[in-house]
PDB file of N, CA and C in Angstrom:
ATOM      1  N   UNK A   1      92.987 107.109  82.428  1.00  0.00           N
ATOM      2  CA  UNK A   1      92.005 107.854  83.214  1.00  0.00           C
ATOM      3  C   UNK A   1      92.465 109.312  83.323  1.00  0.00           C
ATOM      4  N   UNK A   2      91.635 110.259  82.971  1.00  0.00           N
ATOM      5  CA  UNK A   2      92.022 111.666  83.002  1.00  0.00           C
ATOM      6  C   UNK A   2      92.243 112.176  84.421  1.00  0.00           C
ATOM      7  N   UNK A   3      91.619 111.550  85.384  1.00  0.00           N
ATOM      8  CA  UNK A   3      91.729 111.986  86.771  1.00  0.00           C
ATOM      9  C   UNK A   3      93.172 111.938  87.267  1.00  0.00           C
ATOM     10  N   UNK A   4      94.004 111.102  86.681  1.00  0.00           N
ATOM     11  CA  UNK A   4      95.370 110.921  87.153  1.00  0.00           C
ATOM     12  C   UNK A   4      96.153 112.220  87.249  1.00  0.00           C
ATOM     13  N   UNK A   5      95.890 113.136  86.361  1.00  0.00           N
ATOM     14  CA  UNK A   5      96.670 114.367  86.337  1.00  0.00           C
ATOM     15  C   UNK A   5      96.033 115.505  87.121  1.00  0.00           C
ATOM     16  N   UNK A   6      94.783 115.375  87.456  1.00  0.00           N
ATOM     17  CA  UNK A   6      94.086 116.523  88.019  1.00  0.00           C
ATOM     18  C   UNK A   6      94.467 116.863  89.450  1.00  0.00           C
ATOM     19  N   UNK A   7      94.961 115.929  90.223  1.00  0.00           N
ATOM     20  CA  UNK A   7      95.192 116.219  91.629  1.00  0.00           C
ATOM     21  C   UNK A   7      96.635 116.596  91.931  1.00  0.00           C
ATOM     22  N   UNK A   8      97.553 115.675  91.756  1.00  0.00           N
ATOM     23  CA  UNK A   8      98.921 115.944  92.181  1.00  0.00           C
ATOM     24  C   UNK A   8      99.661 116.882  91.239  1.00  0.00           C
ATOM     25  N   UNK A   9      99.379 116.799  89.954  1.00  0.00           N
ATOM     26  CA  UNK A   9     100.157 117.585  89.005  1.00  0.00           C
ATOM     27  C   UNK A   9      99.890 119.089  89.126  1.00  0.00           C
ATOM     28  N   UNK A  10      98.675 119.466  89.481  1.00  0.00           N
ATOM     29  CA  UNK A  10      98.369 120.896  89.488  1.00  0.00           C
ATOM     30  C   UNK A  10      98.286 121.486  90.893  1.00  0.00           C
ATOM     31  N   UNK A  11      98.402 120.666  91.907  1.00  0.00           N
ATOM     32  CA  UNK A  11      98.244 121.193  93.258  1.00  0.00           C
ATOM     33  C   UNK A  11      99.439 120.855  94.139  1.00  0.00           C
ATOM     34  N   UNK A  12     100.032 121.888  94.690  1.00  0.00           N
ATOM     35  CA  UNK A  12     101.124 121.675  95.639  1.00  0.00           C
ATOM     36  C   UNK A  12     100.584 121.186  96.984  1.00  0.00           C
ATOM     37  N   UNK A  13      99.269 121.216  97.153  1.00  0.00           N
ATOM     38  CA  UNK A  13      98.660 120.755  98.398  1.00  0.00           C
ATOM     39  C   UNK A  13      98.444 119.244  98.428  1.00  0.00           C
ATOM     40  N   UNK A  14      98.577 118.576  97.268  1.00  0.00           N
ATOM     41  CA  UNK A  14      98.406 117.120  97.267  1.00  0.00           C
ATOM     42  C   UNK A  14      99.533 116.517  98.102  1.00  0.00           C
ATOM     43  N   UNK A  15      99.199 115.678  99.091  1.00  0.00           N
ATOM     44  CA  UNK A  15     100.238 115.119  99.966  1.00  0.00           C
ATOM     45  C   UNK A  15     101.181 114.181  99.203  1.00  0.00           C
ATOM     46  N   UNK A  16     102.470 114.359  99.409  1.00  0.00           N
ATOM     47  CA  UNK A  16     103.461 113.545  98.696  1.00  0.00           C
ATOM     48  C   UNK A  16     103.390 112.080  99.114  1.00  0.00           C
ATOM     49  N   UNK A  17     102.805 111.788 100.274  1.00  0.00           N
ATOM     50  CA  UNK A  17     102.693 110.409 100.755  1.00  0.00           C
ATOM     51  C   UNK A  17     101.590 109.631 100.040  1.00  0.00           C
ATOM     52  N   UNK A  18     100.739 110.350  99.286  1.00  0.00           N
ATOM     53  CA  UNK A  18      99.591 109.714  98.634  1.00  0.00           C
ATOM     54  C   UNK A  18      99.848 109.634  97.135  1.00  0.00           C
ATOM     55  N   UNK A  19      99.701 108.424  96.607  1.00  0.00           N
ATOM     56  CA  UNK A  19      99.897 108.212  95.174  1.00  0.00           C
ATOM     57  C   UNK A  19      98.825 108.962  94.385  1.00  0.00           C
ATOM     58  N   UNK A  20      99.085 109.165  93.111  1.00  0.00           N
ATOM     59  CA  UNK A  20      98.146 109.865  92.232  1.00  0.00           C
ATOM     60  C   UNK A  20      96.893 109.021  92.028  1.00  0.00           C
ATOM     61  N   UNK A  21      95.708 109.637  92.141  1.00  0.00           N
ATOM     62  CA  UNK A  21      94.463 108.896  91.910  1.00  0.00           C
ATOM     63  C   UNK A  21      94.485 108.194  90.553  1.00  0.00           C
ATOM     64  N   UNK A  22      93.959 106.985  90.576  1.00  0.00           N
ATOM     65  CA  UNK A  22      93.921 106.203  89.356  1.00  0.00           C
ATOM     66  C   UNK A  22      95.097 105.257  89.223  1.00  0.00           C
ATOM     67  N   UNK A  23      96.156 105.490  90.009  1.00  0.00           N
ATOM     68  CA  UNK A  23      97.305 104.589  89.951  1.00  0.00           C
ATOM     69  C   UNK A  23      97.093 103.446  90.942  1.00  0.00           C
ATOM     70  N   UNK A  24      97.886 102.410  90.756  1.00  0.00           N
ATOM     71  CA  UNK A  24      97.777 101.213  91.595  1.00  0.00           C
ATOM     72  C   UNK A  24      98.007 101.572  93.069  1.00  0.00           C
ATOM     73  N   UNK A  25      97.126 101.086  93.917  1.00  0.00           N
ATOM     74  CA  UNK A  25      97.218 101.256  95.381  1.00  0.00           C
ATOM     75  C   UNK A  25      97.120 102.700  95.862  1.00  0.00           C
ATOM     76  N   UNK A  26      96.589 103.588  95.041  1.00  0.00           N
ATOM     77  CA  UNK A  26      96.528 104.976  95.495  1.00  0.00           C
ATOM     78  C   UNK A  26      95.597 105.112  96.712  1.00  0.00           C
ATOM     79  N   UNK A  27      94.479 104.367  96.721  1.00  0.00           N
ATOM     80  CA  UNK A  27      93.551 104.465  97.854  1.00  0.00           C
ATOM     81  C   UNK A  27      94.195 103.934  99.134  1.00  0.00           C
ATOM     82  N   UNK A  28      95.008 102.895  98.993  1.00  0.00           N
ATOM     83  CA  UNK A  28      95.716 102.364 100.164  1.00  0.00           C
ATOM     84  C   UNK A  28      96.691 103.412 100.713  1.00  0.00           C
ATOM     85  N   UNK A  29      97.385 104.101  99.821  1.00  0.00           N
ATOM     86  CA  UNK A  29      98.319 105.143 100.279  1.00  0.00           C
ATOM     87  C   UNK A  29      97.553 106.298 100.917  1.00  0.00           C
ATOM     88  N   UNK A  30      96.372 106.601 100.375  1.00  0.00           N
ATOM     89  CA  UNK A  30      95.535 107.665 100.957  1.00  0.00           C
ATOM     90  C   UNK A  30      95.080 107.269 102.360  1.00  0.00           C
ATOM     91  N   UNK A  31      94.609 106.026 102.509  1.00  0.00           N
ATOM     92  CA  UNK A  31      94.151 105.555 103.822  1.00  0.00           C
ATOM     93  C   UNK A  31      95.281 105.563 104.840  1.00  0.00           C
ATOM     94  N   UNK A  32      96.449 105.126 104.424  1.00  0.00           N
ATOM     95  CA  UNK A  32      97.599 105.100 105.337  1.00  0.00           C
ATOM     96  C   UNK A  32      97.924 106.516 105.819  1.00  0.00           C
ATOM     97  N   UNK A  33      97.955 107.475 104.894  1.00  0.00           N
ATOM     98  CA  UNK A  33      98.248 108.865 105.248  1.00  0.00           C
ATOM     99  C   UNK A  33      97.164 109.423 106.165  1.00  0.00           C
ATOM    100  N   UNK A  34      95.902 109.163 105.837  1.00  0.00           N
ATOM    101  CA  UNK A  34      94.802 109.676 106.650  1.00  0.00           C
ATOM    102  C   UNK A  34      94.829 109.097 108.064  1.00  0.00           C
ATOM    103  N   UNK A  35      95.179 107.822 108.191  1.00  0.00           N
ATOM    104  CA  UNK A  35      95.251 107.195 109.525  1.00  0.00           C
ATOM    105  C   UNK A  35      96.280 107.888 110.408  1.00  0.00           C
ATOM    106  N   UNK A  36      97.325 108.424 109.799  1.00  0.00           N
ATOM    107  CA  UNK A  36      98.356 109.125 110.578  1.00  0.00           C
ATOM    108  C   UNK A  36      97.854 110.476 111.107  1.00  0.00           C
ATOM    109  N   UNK A  37      96.763 110.978 110.550  1.00  0.00           N
ATOM    110  CA  UNK A  37      96.258 112.294 110.932  1.00  0.00           C
ATOM    111  C   UNK A  37      95.214 112.253 112.039  1.00  0.00           C
ATOM    112  N   UNK A  38      94.686 111.080 112.315  1.00  0.00           N
ATOM    113  CA  UNK A  38      93.645 110.972 113.335  1.00  0.00           C
ATOM    114  C   UNK A  38      94.209 110.283 114.571  1.00  0.00           C
ATOM    115  N   UNK A  39      93.588 110.480 115.738  1.00  0.00           N
ATOM    116  CA  UNK A  39      94.057 109.780 116.939  1.00  0.00           C
ATOM    117  C   UNK A  39      94.102 108.266 116.703  1.00  0.00           C
ATOM    118  N   UNK A  40      95.060 107.600 117.301  1.00  0.00           N
ATOM    119  CA  UNK A  40      95.293 106.174 117.064  1.00  0.00           C
ATOM    120  C   UNK A  40      94.042 105.332 117.272  1.00  0.00           C
ATOM    121  N   UNK A  41      93.220 105.666 118.244  1.00  0.00           N
ATOM    122  CA  UNK A  41      92.039 104.831 118.492  1.00  0.00           C
ATOM    123  C   UNK A  41      91.081 104.865 117.311  1.00  0.00           C
ATOM    124  N   UNK A  42      90.988 105.997 116.603  1.00  0.00           N
ATOM    125  CA  UNK A  42      90.131 106.078 115.418  1.00  0.00           C
ATOM    126  C   UNK A  42      90.762 105.342 114.243  1.00  0.00           C
ATOM    127  N   UNK A  43      92.061 105.436 114.133  1.00  0.00           N
ATOM    128  CA  UNK A  43      92.774 104.807 113.021  1.00  0.00           C
ATOM    129  C   UNK A  43      92.676 103.287 113.075  1.00  0.00           C
ATOM    130  N   UNK A  44      92.297 102.743 114.238  1.00  0.00           N
ATOM    131  CA  UNK A  44      92.213 101.288 114.362  1.00  0.00           C
ATOM    132  C   UNK A  44      90.788 100.757 114.187  1.00  0.00           C
ATOM    133  N   UNK A  45      89.795 101.618 114.050  1.00  0.00           N
ATOM    134  CA  UNK A  45      88.425 101.143 113.871  1.00  0.00           C
ATOM    135  C   UNK A  45      88.262 100.524 112.482  1.00  0.00           C
ATOM    136  N   UNK A  46      87.831  99.251 112.413  1.00  0.00           N
ATOM    137  CA  UNK A  46      87.698  98.587 111.117  1.00  0.00           C
ATOM    138  C   UNK A  46      86.823  99.361 110.119  1.00  0.00           C
ATOM    139  N   UNK A  47      85.742  99.961 110.594  1.00  0.00           N
ATOM    140  CA  UNK A  47      84.865 100.693 109.684  1.00  0.00           C
ATOM    141  C   UNK A  47      85.611 101.834 108.991  1.00  0.00           C
ATOM    142  N   UNK A  48      86.406 102.584 109.755  1.00  0.00           N
ATOM    143  CA  UNK A  48      87.149 103.696 109.159  1.00  0.00           C
ATOM    144  C   UNK A  48      88.259 103.191 108.240  1.00  0.00           C
ATOM    145  N   UNK A  49      88.823 102.028 108.557  1.00  0.00           N
ATOM    146  CA  UNK A  49      89.858 101.457 107.701  1.00  0.00           C
ATOM    147  C   UNK A  49      89.253 101.010 106.374  1.00  0.00           C
ATOM    148  N   UNK A  50      88.059 100.402 106.439  1.00  0.00           N
ATOM    149  CA  UNK A  50      87.403  99.903 105.212  1.00  0.00           C
ATOM    150  C   UNK A  50      86.802 101.029 104.370  1.00  0.00           C
ATOM    151  N   UNK A  51      86.492 102.139 104.993  1.00  0.00           N
ATOM    152  CA  UNK A  51      85.829 103.241 104.278  1.00  0.00           C
ATOM    153  C   UNK A  51      86.728 104.477 104.318  1.00  0.00           C
ATOM    154  N   UNK A  52      87.650 104.617 103.373  1.00  0.00           N
ATOM    155  CA  UNK A  52      88.570 105.755 103.401  1.00  0.00           C
ATOM    156  C   UNK A  52      87.864 107.107 103.335  1.00  0.00           C
ATOM    157  N   UNK A  53      86.668 107.147 102.765  1.00  0.00           N
ATOM    158  CA  UNK A  53      85.921 108.414 102.721  1.00  0.00           C
ATOM    159  C   UNK A  53      85.529 108.841 104.136  1.00  0.00           C
ATOM    160  N   UNK A  54      85.111 107.873 104.967  1.00  0.00           N
ATOM    161  CA  UNK A  54      84.794 108.196 106.366  1.00  0.00           C
ATOM    162  C   UNK A  54      86.043 108.627 107.122  1.00  0.00           C
ATOM    163  N   UNK A  55      87.142 107.958 106.836  1.00  0.00           N
ATOM    164  CA  UNK A  55      88.410 108.324 107.467  1.00  0.00           C
ATOM    165  C   UNK A  55      88.801 109.748 107.077  1.00  0.00           C
ATOM    166  N   UNK A  56      88.631 110.087 105.807  1.00  0.00           N
ATOM    167  CA  UNK A  56      88.931 111.443 105.334  1.00  0.00           C
ATOM    168  C   UNK A  56      88.030 112.462 106.018  1.00  0.00           C
ATOM    169  N   UNK A  57      86.756 112.133 106.156  1.00  0.00           N
ATOM    170  CA  UNK A  57      85.822 113.045 106.831  1.00  0.00           C
ATOM    171  C   UNK A  57      86.254 113.278 108.279  1.00  0.00           C
ATOM    172  N   UNK A  58      86.625 112.190 108.961  1.00  0.00           N
ATOM    173  CA  UNK A  58      87.046 112.351 110.356  1.00  0.00           C
ATOM    174  C   UNK A  58      88.338 113.171 110.443  1.00  0.00           C
ATOM    175  N   UNK A  59      89.250 112.936 109.519  1.00  0.00           N
ATOM    176  CA  UNK A  59      90.496 113.707 109.504  1.00  0.00           C
ATOM    177  C   UNK A  59      90.201 115.191 109.287  1.00  0.00           C
ATOM    178  N   UNK A  60      89.242 115.509 108.414  1.00  0.00           N
ATOM    179  CA  UNK A  60      88.882 116.915 108.188  1.00  0.00           C
ATOM    180  C   UNK A  60      88.359 117.550 109.469  1.00  0.00           C
ATOM    181  N   UNK A  61      87.474 116.856 110.154  1.00  0.00           N
ATOM    182  CA  UNK A  61      86.909 117.379 111.407  1.00  0.00           C
ATOM    183  C   UNK A  61      88.007 117.528 112.456  1.00  0.00           C
ATOM    184  N   UNK A  62      88.869 116.523 112.560  1.00  0.00           N
ATOM    185  CA  UNK A  62      89.977 116.549 113.514  1.00  0.00           C
ATOM    186  C   UNK A  62      90.873 117.764 113.261  1.00  0.00           C
ATOM    187  N   UNK A  63      91.201 117.992 111.993  1.00  0.00           N
ATOM    188  CA  UNK A  63      92.068 119.125 111.648  1.00  0.00           C
ATOM    189  C   UNK A  63      91.392 120.461 111.929  1.00  0.00           C
ATOM    190  N   UNK A  64      90.090 120.556 111.667  1.00  0.00           N
ATOM    191  CA  UNK A  64      89.376 121.803 111.983  1.00  0.00           C
ATOM    192  C   UNK A  64      89.506 122.130 113.460  1.00  0.00           C
ATOM    193  N   UNK A  65      89.381 121.114 114.304  1.00  0.00           N
ATOM    194  CA  UNK A  65      89.509 121.325 115.746  1.00  0.00           C
ATOM    195  C   UNK A  65      90.937 121.713 116.124  1.00  0.00           C
ATOM    196  N   UNK A  66      91.925 121.039 115.540  1.00  0.00           N
ATOM    197  CA  UNK A  66      93.321 121.376 115.835  1.00  0.00           C
ATOM    198  C   UNK A  66      93.631 122.809 115.418  1.00  0.00           C
ATOM    199  N   UNK A  67      93.108 123.217 114.263  1.00  0.00           N
ATOM    200  CA  UNK A  67      93.324 124.587 113.789  1.00  0.00           C
ATOM    201  C   UNK A  67      92.712 125.577 114.774  1.00  0.00           C
ATOM    202  N   UNK A  68      91.505 125.281 115.268  1.00  0.00           N
ATOM    203  CA  UNK A  68      90.865 126.147 116.269  1.00  0.00           C
ATOM    204  C   UNK A  68      91.713 126.266 117.523  1.00  0.00           C
ATOM    205  N   UNK A  69      92.236 125.141 117.987  1.00  0.00           N
ATOM    206  CA  UNK A  69      93.061 125.125 119.209  1.00  0.00           C
ATOM    207  C   UNK A  69      94.309 125.978 119.014  1.00  0.00           C
ATOM    208  N   UNK A  70      94.996 125.803 117.893  1.00  0.00           N
ATOM    209  CA  UNK A  70      96.229 126.554 117.653  1.00  0.00           C
ATOM    210  C   UNK A  70      95.924 128.039 117.486  1.00  0.00           C
ATOM    211  N   UNK A  71      94.826 128.376 116.808  1.00  0.00           N
ATOM    212  CA  UNK A  71      94.443 129.798 116.681  1.00  0.00           C
ATOM    213  C   UNK A  71      94.202 130.422 118.053  1.00  0.00           C
ATOM    214  N   UNK A  72      93.491 129.697 118.915  1.00  0.00           N
ATOM    215  CA  UNK A  72      93.234 130.192 120.272  1.00  0.00           C
ATOM    216  C   UNK A  72      94.547 130.397 121.015  1.00  0.00           C
ATOM    217  N   UNK A  73      95.434 129.420 120.933  1.00  0.00           N
ATOM    218  CA  UNK A  73      96.734 129.516 121.613  1.00  0.00           C
ATOM    219  C   UNK A  73      97.535 130.698 121.061  1.00  0.00           C
ATOM    220  N   UNK A  74      97.508 130.868 119.744  1.00  0.00           N
ATOM    221  CA  UNK A  74      98.245 131.958 119.107  1.00  0.00           C
ATOM    222  C   UNK A  74      97.680 133.318 119.516  1.00  0.00           C
ATOM    223  N   UNK A  75      96.360 133.454 119.426  1.00  0.00           N
ATOM    224  CA  UNK A  75      95.745 134.757 119.703  1.00  0.00           C
ATOM    225  C   UNK A  75      95.772 135.148 121.178  1.00  0.00           C
ATOM    226  N   UNK A  76      95.888 134.167 122.046  1.00  0.00           N
ATOM    227  CA  UNK A  76      95.895 134.477 123.479  1.00  0.00           C
ATOM    228  C   UNK A  76      97.306 134.515 124.061  1.00  0.00           C
ATOM    229  N   UNK A  77      98.297 134.122 123.289  1.00  0.00           N
ATOM    230  CA  UNK A  77      99.659 133.999 123.818  1.00  0.00           C
ATOM    231  C   UNK A  77     100.200 135.306 124.386  1.00  0.00           C
ATOM    232  N   UNK A  78     100.083 136.390 123.642  1.00  0.00           N
ATOM    233  CA  UNK A  78     100.662 137.657 124.079  1.00  0.00           C
ATOM    234  C   UNK A  78     100.005 138.155 125.368  1.00  0.00           C
ATOM    235  N   UNK A  79      98.713 137.902 125.522  1.00  0.00           N
ATOM    236  CA  UNK A  79      98.001 138.368 126.716  1.00  0.00           C
ATOM    237  C   UNK A  79      98.215 137.440 127.919  1.00  0.00           C
ATOM    238  N   UNK A  80      98.299 136.125 127.682  1.00  0.00           N
ATOM    239  CA  UNK A  80      98.310 135.184 128.796  1.00  0.00           C
ATOM    240  C   UNK A  80      99.690 134.690 129.223  1.00  0.00           C
ATOM    241  N   UNK A  81     100.630 134.596 128.316  1.00  0.00           N
ATOM    242  CA  UNK A  81     101.927 134.022 128.667  1.00  0.00           C
ATOM    243  C   UNK A  81     102.770 134.878 129.611  1.00  0.00           C
ATOM    244  N   UNK A  82     102.716 136.209 129.531  1.00  0.00           N
ATOM    245  CA  UNK A  82     103.503 136.988 130.495  1.00  0.00           C
ATOM    246  C   UNK A  82     103.111 136.708 131.949  1.00  0.00           C
ATOM    247  N   UNK A  83     101.828 136.435 132.181  1.00  0.00           N
ATOM    248  CA  UNK A  83     101.367 136.153 133.546  1.00  0.00           C
ATOM    249  C   UNK A  83     101.956 134.858 134.093  1.00  0.00           C
ATOM    250  N   UNK A  84     102.446 134.001 133.205  1.00  0.00           N
ATOM    251  CA  UNK A  84     103.067 132.751 133.641  1.00  0.00           C
ATOM    252  C   UNK A  84     104.541 132.934 133.983  1.00  0.00           C
ATOM    253  N   UNK A  85     105.021 134.173 133.826  1.00  0.00           N
ATOM    254  CA  UNK A  85     106.402 134.480 134.171  1.00  0.00           C
ATOM    255  C   UNK A  85     107.405 134.118 133.087  1.00  0.00           C
ATOM    256  N   UNK A  86     106.915 133.900 131.881  1.00  0.00           N
ATOM    257  CA  UNK A  86     107.816 133.537 130.783  1.00  0.00           C
ATOM    258  C   UNK A  86     108.522 134.768 130.230  1.00  0.00           C
ATOM    259  N   UNK A  87     109.800 134.650 129.914  1.00  0.00           N
ATOM    260  CA  UNK A  87     110.525 135.784 129.332  1.00  0.00           C
ATOM    261  C   UNK A  87     109.992 136.114 127.929  1.00  0.00           C
ATOM    262  N   UNK A  88     110.170 137.353 127.531  1.00  0.00           N
ATOM    263  CA  UNK A  88     109.686 137.826 126.234  1.00  0.00           C
ATOM    264  C   UNK A  88     110.217 136.975 125.088  1.00  0.00           C
ATOM    265  N   UNK A  89     111.476 136.547 125.158  1.00  0.00           N
ATOM    266  CA  UNK A  89     112.051 135.738 124.073  1.00  0.00           C
ATOM    267  C   UNK A  89     111.316 134.407 123.919  1.00  0.00           C
ATOM    268  N   UNK A  90     110.921 133.801 125.025  1.00  0.00           N
ATOM    269  CA  UNK A  90     110.175 132.541 124.993  1.00  0.00           C
ATOM    270  C   UNK A  90     108.778 132.780 124.417  1.00  0.00           C
ATOM    271  N   UNK A  91     108.181 133.886 124.800  1.00  0.00           N
ATOM    272  CA  UNK A  91     106.849 134.223 124.277  1.00  0.00           C
ATOM    273  C   UNK A  91     106.919 134.418 122.761  1.00  0.00           C
ATOM    274  N   UNK A  92     107.930 135.131 122.286  1.00  0.00           N
ATOM    275  CA  UNK A  92     108.090 135.355 120.841  1.00  0.00           C
ATOM    276  C   UNK A  92     108.300 134.032 120.107  1.00  0.00           C
ATOM    277  N   UNK A  93     109.130 133.158 120.655  1.00  0.00           N
ATOM    278  CA  UNK A  93     109.354 131.842 120.031  1.00  0.00           C
ATOM    279  C   UNK A  93     108.063 131.024 120.021  1.00  0.00           C
ATOM    280  N   UNK A  94     107.301 131.122 121.095  1.00  0.00           N
ATOM    281  CA  UNK A  94     106.035 130.395 121.186  1.00  0.00           C
ATOM    282  C   UNK A  94     105.055 130.885 120.122  1.00  0.00           C
ATOM    283  N   UNK A  95     104.984 132.187 119.947  1.00  0.00           N
ATOM    284  CA  UNK A  95     104.101 132.768 118.924  1.00  0.00           C
ATOM    285  C   UNK A  95     104.529 132.302 117.532  1.00  0.00           C
ATOM    286  N   UNK A  96     105.830 132.284 117.271  1.00  0.00           N
ATOM    287  CA  UNK A  96     106.329 131.808 115.969  1.00  0.00           C
ATOM    288  C   UNK A  96     106.008 130.332 115.776  1.00  0.00           C
ATOM    289  N   UNK A  97     106.155 129.550 116.838  1.00  0.00           N
ATOM    290  CA  UNK A  97     105.825 128.124 116.768  1.00  0.00           C
ATOM    291  C   UNK A  97     104.358 127.929 116.402  1.00  0.00           C
ATOM    292  N   UNK A  98     103.466 128.646 117.088  1.00  0.00           N
ATOM    293  CA  UNK A  98     102.033 128.519 116.799  1.00  0.00           C
ATOM    294  C   UNK A  98     101.709 128.980 115.373  1.00  0.00           C
ATOM    295  N   UNK A  99     102.332 130.044 114.935  1.00  0.00           N
ATOM    296  CA  UNK A  99     102.083 130.541 113.574  1.00  0.00           C
ATOM    297  C   UNK A  99     102.535 129.514 112.534  1.00  0.00           C
ATOM    298  N   UNK A 100     103.703 128.911 112.758  1.00  0.00           N
ATOM    299  CA  UNK A 100     104.203 127.885 111.835  1.00  0.00           C
ATOM    300  C   UNK A 100     103.297 126.659 111.847  1.00  0.00           C
ATOM    301  N   UNK A 101     102.849 126.271 113.013  1.00  0.00           N
ATOM    302  CA  UNK A 101     101.960 125.115 113.136  1.00  0.00           C
ATOM    303  C   UNK A 101     100.637 125.377 112.426  1.00  0.00           C
ATOM    304  N   UNK A 102     100.122 126.584 112.555  1.00  0.00           N
ATOM    305  CA  UNK A 102      98.872 126.943 111.879  1.00  0.00           C
ATOM    306  C   UNK A 102      99.025 126.853 110.362  1.00  0.00           C
ATOM    307  N   UNK A 103     100.149 127.333 109.848  1.00  0.00           N
ATOM    308  CA  UNK A 103     100.427 127.232 108.407  1.00  0.00           C
ATOM    309  C   UNK A 103     100.467 125.767 107.977  1.00  0.00           C
ATOM    310  N   UNK A 104     101.158 124.945 108.748  1.00  0.00           N
ATOM    311  CA  UNK A 104     101.276 123.516 108.433  1.00  0.00           C
ATOM    312  C   UNK A 104      99.918 122.815 108.491  1.00  0.00           C
ATOM    313  N   UNK A 105      99.141 123.082 109.527  1.00  0.00           N
ATOM    314  CA  UNK A 105      97.830 122.460 109.657  1.00  0.00           C
ATOM    315  C   UNK A 105      96.902 122.855 108.510  1.00  0.00           C
ATOM    316  N   UNK A 106      96.952 124.110 108.094  1.00  0.00           N
ATOM    317  CA  UNK A 106      96.126 124.550 106.969  1.00  0.00           C
ATOM    318  C   UNK A 106      96.540 123.839 105.680  1.00  0.00           C
ATOM    319  N   UNK A 107      97.839 123.645 105.489  1.00  0.00           N
ATOM    320  CA  UNK A 107      98.338 122.923 104.318  1.00  0.00           C
ATOM    321  C   UNK A 107      97.835 121.470 104.340  1.00  0.00           C
ATOM    322  N   UNK A 108      97.938 120.813 105.483  1.00  0.00           N
ATOM    323  CA  UNK A 108      97.470 119.433 105.612  1.00  0.00           C
ATOM    324  C   UNK A 108      95.967 119.358 105.370  1.00  0.00           C
ATOM    325  N   UNK A 109      95.226 120.327 105.913  1.00  0.00           N
ATOM    326  CA  UNK A 109      93.769 120.339 105.733  1.00  0.00           C
ATOM    327  C   UNK A 109      93.398 120.464 104.255  1.00  0.00           C
ATOM    328  N   UNK A 110      94.144 121.284 103.515  1.00  0.00           N
ATOM    329  CA  UNK A 110      93.884 121.381 102.067  1.00  0.00           C
ATOM    330  C   UNK A 110      94.171 120.050 101.385  1.00  0.00           C
ATOM    331  N   UNK A 111      95.223 119.371 101.812  1.00  0.00           N
ATOM    332  CA  UNK A 111      95.540 118.055 101.268  1.00  0.00           C
ATOM    333  C   UNK A 111      94.447 117.041 101.555  1.00  0.00           C
ATOM    334  N   UNK A 112      93.915 117.070 102.769  1.00  0.00           N
ATOM    335  CA  UNK A 112      92.833 116.150 103.136  1.00  0.00           C
ATOM    336  C   UNK A 112      91.600 116.419 102.272  1.00  0.00           C
ATOM    337  N   UNK A 113      91.298 117.691 102.035  1.00  0.00           N
ATOM    338  CA  UNK A 113      90.147 118.014 101.174  1.00  0.00           C
ATOM    339  C   UNK A 113      90.355 117.466  99.764  1.00  0.00           C
ATOM    340  N   UNK A 114      91.561 117.610  99.229  1.00  0.00           N
ATOM    341  CA  UNK A 114      91.848 117.092  97.885  1.00  0.00           C
ATOM    342  C   UNK A 114      91.738 115.568  97.838  1.00  0.00           C
ATOM    343  N   UNK A 115      92.309 114.895  98.827  1.00  0.00           N
ATOM    344  CA  UNK A 115      92.247 113.437  98.877  1.00  0.00           C
ATOM    345  C   UNK A 115      90.802 112.985  99.039  1.00  0.00           C
ATOM    346  N   UNK A 116      90.072 113.664  99.898  1.00  0.00           N
ATOM    347  CA  UNK A 116      88.668 113.334 100.118  1.00  0.00           C
ATOM    348  C   UNK A 116      87.873 113.445  98.814  1.00  0.00           C
ATOM    349  N   UNK A 117      88.085 114.535  98.092  1.00  0.00           N
ATOM    350  CA  UNK A 117      87.378 114.729  96.826  1.00  0.00           C
ATOM    351  C   UNK A 117      87.775 113.655  95.811  1.00  0.00           C
ATOM    352  N   UNK A 118      89.047 113.292  95.789  1.00  0.00           N
ATOM    353  CA  UNK A 118      89.509 112.244  94.870  1.00  0.00           C
ATOM    354  C   UNK A 118      88.872 110.901  95.224  1.00  0.00           C
ATOM    355  N   UNK A 119      88.717 110.622  96.520  1.00  0.00           N
ATOM    356  CA  UNK A 119      88.065 109.384  96.939  1.00  0.00           C
ATOM    357  C   UNK A 119      86.609 109.367  96.491  1.00  0.00           C
ATOM    358  N   UNK A 120      85.938 110.495  96.646  1.00  0.00           N
ATOM    359  CA  UNK A 120      84.546 110.600  96.198  1.00  0.00           C
ATOM    360  C   UNK A 120      84.475 110.419  94.676  1.00  0.00           C
ATOM    361  N   UNK A 121      85.343 111.113  93.954  1.00  0.00           N
ATOM    362  CA  UNK A 121      85.338 111.051  92.489  1.00  0.00           C
ATOM    363  C   UNK A 121      85.630 109.647  91.972  1.00  0.00           C
ATOM    364  N   UNK A 122      86.444 108.892  92.715  1.00  0.00           N
ATOM    365  CA  UNK A 122      86.807 107.548  92.262  1.00  0.00           C
ATOM    366  C   UNK A 122      85.767 106.510  92.677  1.00  0.00           C
ATOM    367  N   UNK A 123      84.759 106.959  93.439  1.00  0.00           N
ATOM    368  CA  UNK A 123      83.708 106.024  93.880  1.00  0.00           C
ATOM    369  C   UNK A 123      84.215 104.961  94.817  1.00  0.00           C
ATOM    370  N   UNK A 124      85.049 105.364  95.769  1.00  0.00           N
ATOM    371  CA  UNK A 124      85.702 104.377  96.628  1.00  0.00           C
ATOM    372  C   UNK A 124      84.855 103.928  97.820  1.00  0.00           C
ATOM    373  N   UNK A 125      83.563 104.193  97.793  1.00  0.00           N
ATOM    374  CA  UNK A 125      82.700 103.698  98.881  1.00  0.00           C
ATOM    375  C   UNK A 125      82.576 102.183  98.741  1.00  0.00           C
ATOM    376  N   UNK A 126      82.812 101.505  99.840  1.00  0.00           N
ATOM    377  CA  UNK A 126      82.704 100.045  99.840  1.00  0.00           C
ATOM    378  C   UNK A 126      81.395  99.657 100.512  1.00  0.00           C
ATOM    379  N   UNK A 127      80.690  98.770  99.886  1.00  0.00           N
ATOM    380  CA  UNK A 127      79.382  98.334 100.423  1.00  0.00           C
ATOM    381  C   UNK A 127      79.579  97.143 101.350  1.00  0.00           C
ATOM    382  N   UNK A 128      78.711  97.041 102.310  1.00  0.00           N
ATOM    383  CA  UNK A 128      78.804  95.954 103.286  1.00  0.00           C
ATOM    384  C   UNK A 128      79.314  96.489 104.604  1.00  0.00           C
ATOM    385  N   UNK A 129      79.433  95.611 105.603  1.00  0.00           N
ATOM    386  CA  UNK A 129      79.849  96.047 106.938  1.00  0.00           C
ATOM    387  C   UNK A 129      81.266  95.627 107.203  1.00  0.00           C
TER     388      UNK A 129
END
């Protein structure tokens, strides 16, 4: 299958926890990784477990919200944290933490998009309830 090389080999954003599309159990590894990205209550819903494409969609939405939250925290830190009585060194560390988290979340979000597209390309929709 030509798809095997298109995702992990050319993209550093492909998650290392997910096997290459087309290989044995790759969808299972994708589902396992995606379940770790969503709140536990969503990861336990049978429908999302049976439909990795839905799980990927929810993970994308979840990550978009997390990215928004971290951006808000980052952009408001310099203005709001001094009023809490925090020393400048703590504020600087907090800003660095948020910036690093934003970089990490964006990387994960790119990985989710790649996995999601691979699931769509592989036709992994399961019929039935």
